[in-house]
Structures are given as structure tokens and as C-alpha cells.
Protein backbone atom coordinates (compact mmCIF):
# COMPACT_ATOMS: atom_id res chain seq x y z
CA UNK A 1 16.44 14.48 -19.80
CA UNK A 2 17.39 11.27 -17.82
CA UNK A 3 17.50 10.96 -14.10
CA UNK A 4 20.79 10.08 -12.59
CA UNK A 5 20.62 6.73 -10.77
CA UNK A 6 24.17 5.76 -10.24
CA UNK A 7 25.08 6.41 -6.34
CA UNK A 8 21.32 6.53 -5.81
CA UNK A 9 20.15 3.11 -6.45
CA UNK A 10 17.95 2.80 -3.38
CA UNK A 11 16.29 4.78 -0.67
CA UNK A 12 19.26 3.70 1.54
CA UNK A 13 21.77 5.32 -0.79
CA UNK A 14 19.83 8.42 -0.96
CA UNK A 15 19.43 8.60 2.94
CA UNK A 16 23.16 8.17 3.40
CA UNK A 17 23.94 10.62 0.86
CA UNK A 18 21.65 13.30 2.34
CA UNK A 19 22.15 12.57 6.07
CA UNK A 20 25.97 12.42 5.88
CA UNK A 21 27.15 13.81 2.61
CA UNK A 22 30.02 12.82 0.53
CA UNK A 23 32.75 14.47 2.75
CA UNK A 24 31.47 12.82 5.96
CA UNK A 25 31.43 9.49 4.37
CA UNK A 26 34.98 9.96 3.07
CA UNK A 27 36.27 11.13 6.62
CA UNK A 28 34.48 7.82 7.97
CA UNK A 29 36.27 5.78 5.23
CA UNK A 30 32.81 4.65 4.06
CA UNK A 31 31.65 4.23 0.47
CA UNK A 32 28.11 5.11 -0.53
CA UNK A 33 27.42 1.43 -0.73
CA UNK A 34 28.92 0.66 2.75
CA UNK A 35 26.81 3.22 4.23
CA UNK A 36 23.76 1.95 2.38
CA UNK A 37 24.54 -1.46 3.86
CA UNK A 38 24.66 -0.13 7.25
CA UNK A 39 21.52 1.68 6.91
CA UNK A 40 19.72 -1.55 5.66
CA UNK A 41 21.04 -3.19 8.76
CA UNK A 42 19.67 -0.50 10.98
CA UNK A 43 16.27 -0.61 9.24
CA UNK A 44 15.97 -4.34 9.44
CA UNK A 45 16.84 -4.16 13.33
CA UNK A 46 14.24 -1.33 13.87
CA UNK A 47 11.54 -3.32 11.99
CA UNK A 48 12.13 -6.26 14.39
CA UNK A 49 12.33 -4.15 17.43
CA UNK A 50 9.26 -2.25 16.69
CA UNK A 51 7.21 -5.08 15.93
CA UNK A 52 8.38 -7.27 18.80
CA UNK A 53 7.08 -4.72 21.41
CA UNK A 54 3.35 -5.42 20.90
CA UNK A 55 1.19 -7.84 19.08
CA UNK A 56 -1.02 -5.05 17.83
CA UNK A 57 1.85 -3.32 16.22
CA UNK A 58 2.84 -6.63 14.25
CA UNK A 59 -0.85 -6.92 13.24
CA UNK A 60 -0.87 -3.22 12.15
CA UNK A 61 2.34 -3.51 10.09
CA UNK A 62 1.40 -6.77 8.48
CA UNK A 63 -1.89 -5.18 7.34
CA UNK A 64 0.17 -2.21 6.25
CA UNK A 65 2.27 -4.55 4.13
CA UNK A 66 -0.86 -6.60 3.11
CA UNK A 67 0.40 -9.51 4.78
CA UNK A 68 -1.23 -12.05 7.27
CA UNK A 69 -0.12 -11.34 10.99
CA UNK A 70 0.64 -14.98 11.61
CA UNK A 71 2.71 -15.46 8.35
CA UNK A 72 6.50 -15.14 8.31
CA UNK A 73 6.24 -11.58 6.78
CA UNK A 74 9.00 -10.22 8.91
CA UNK A 75 11.59 -12.63 7.84
CA UNK A 76 10.64 -12.15 4.12
CA UNK A 77 10.47 -8.34 4.57
CA UNK A 78 14.07 -8.38 6.38
CA UNK A 79 15.37 -10.55 3.56
CA UNK A 80 14.16 -8.03 1.08
CA UNK A 81 15.76 -5.12 2.86
CA UNK A 82 19.00 -6.96 3.28
CA UNK A 83 19.07 -7.81 -0.37
CA UNK A 84 18.67 -5.28 -3.18
CA UNK A 85 15.23 -3.96 -2.34
CA UNK A 86 15.23 -0.28 -3.06
CA UNK A 87 13.25 0.60 0.09
CA UNK A 88 9.90 2.27 0.70
CA UNK A 89 8.12 4.70 3.14
CA UNK A 90 8.10 2.12 5.96
CA UNK A 91 11.89 1.82 5.65
CA UNK A 92 12.24 5.67 5.57
CA UNK A 93 10.09 5.99 8.55
CA UNK A 94 12.19 3.60 10.59
CA UNK A 95 15.36 5.32 9.55
CA UNK A 96 13.91 8.84 10.17
CA UNK A 97 12.72 7.76 13.78
CA UNK A 98 16.07 6.10 14.48
CA UNK A 99 18.27 9.04 13.37
CA UNK A 100 15.76 11.70 14.30
CA UNK A 101 15.86 13.12 10.77
CA UNK A 102 13.10 14.95 8.93
CA UNK A 103 12.21 14.10 5.34
CA UNK A 104 9.92 15.73 2.93
CA UNK A 105 8.32 13.32 0.58
CA UNK A 106 7.55 14.46 -3.03
CA UNK A 107 4.95 12.32 -4.94
CA UNK A 108 5.01 13.92 -8.62
CA UNK A 109 1.85 12.46 -9.54
CA UNK A 110 -0.13 12.90 -6.36
CA UNK A 111 -2.75 15.72 -5.65
CA UNK A 112 -1.31 18.80 -3.79
CA UNK A 113 -1.91 18.27 -0.19
CA UNK A 114 -0.37 19.94 2.77
CA UNK A 115 2.81 18.04 4.09
CA UNK A 116 2.05 15.22 6.45
CA UNK A 117 5.28 15.77 8.62
């Protein structure tokens, strides 16, 4: 059995598909790729907004990403998001907060633990 990857090439594609559905995307005259591109832009803006509010947040996020707070990590991370980076939990967190959506994360190789959210 092979997993379908077409149309779900990234976290941004999957969120667009789950959040709006194919019918809603068609009624908005958006392709899945267009919707994913919009979500990438929202995510990039949210990262910048979140880290701009407090230096402690900037340092905490830089540490989460294993980067030095004084480095240009934000610019590099934003460039990844706007490129073809498939996304990560940090991106999903920003999208979930911005759109007030809930997601359940399944990690197939992880121990069984109670859901975080």
C-alpha cells in the first residue's frame, strides 16, 4: 500500500483541504496550491508577529528551532516556509491559533500518551 501524496504535498496543502474542503475551495475559485500558498503567507506573518512582540518569545522560538536568538533565523525560516518546505508542528500551531482550529497529531512511532490538546 502506497500513501497518496498528490494534493497533500505539504502541511499547508493538508490544512487547506481539511479546513475548507474541496467544494469550498472551488466556490472561492482557489486551487489547492493557491490555498496552500495563502496559508504559507499567513504562517510567515504569524511567525514574525509572534516573535516581534517580546524578546523572550524570540529567544524561546529560536531555541525550539535550535538556532541562536541573535542569528537571522527568522529570515531563514520564513524563506523556508515561502519556498517548498513541507511545514512542521510550529507552522501548524500558528495556523491553528490564527484560524482557531483544532488538530489531532498522530505520530505512528510514538508511545501512546494522552492527547496534548
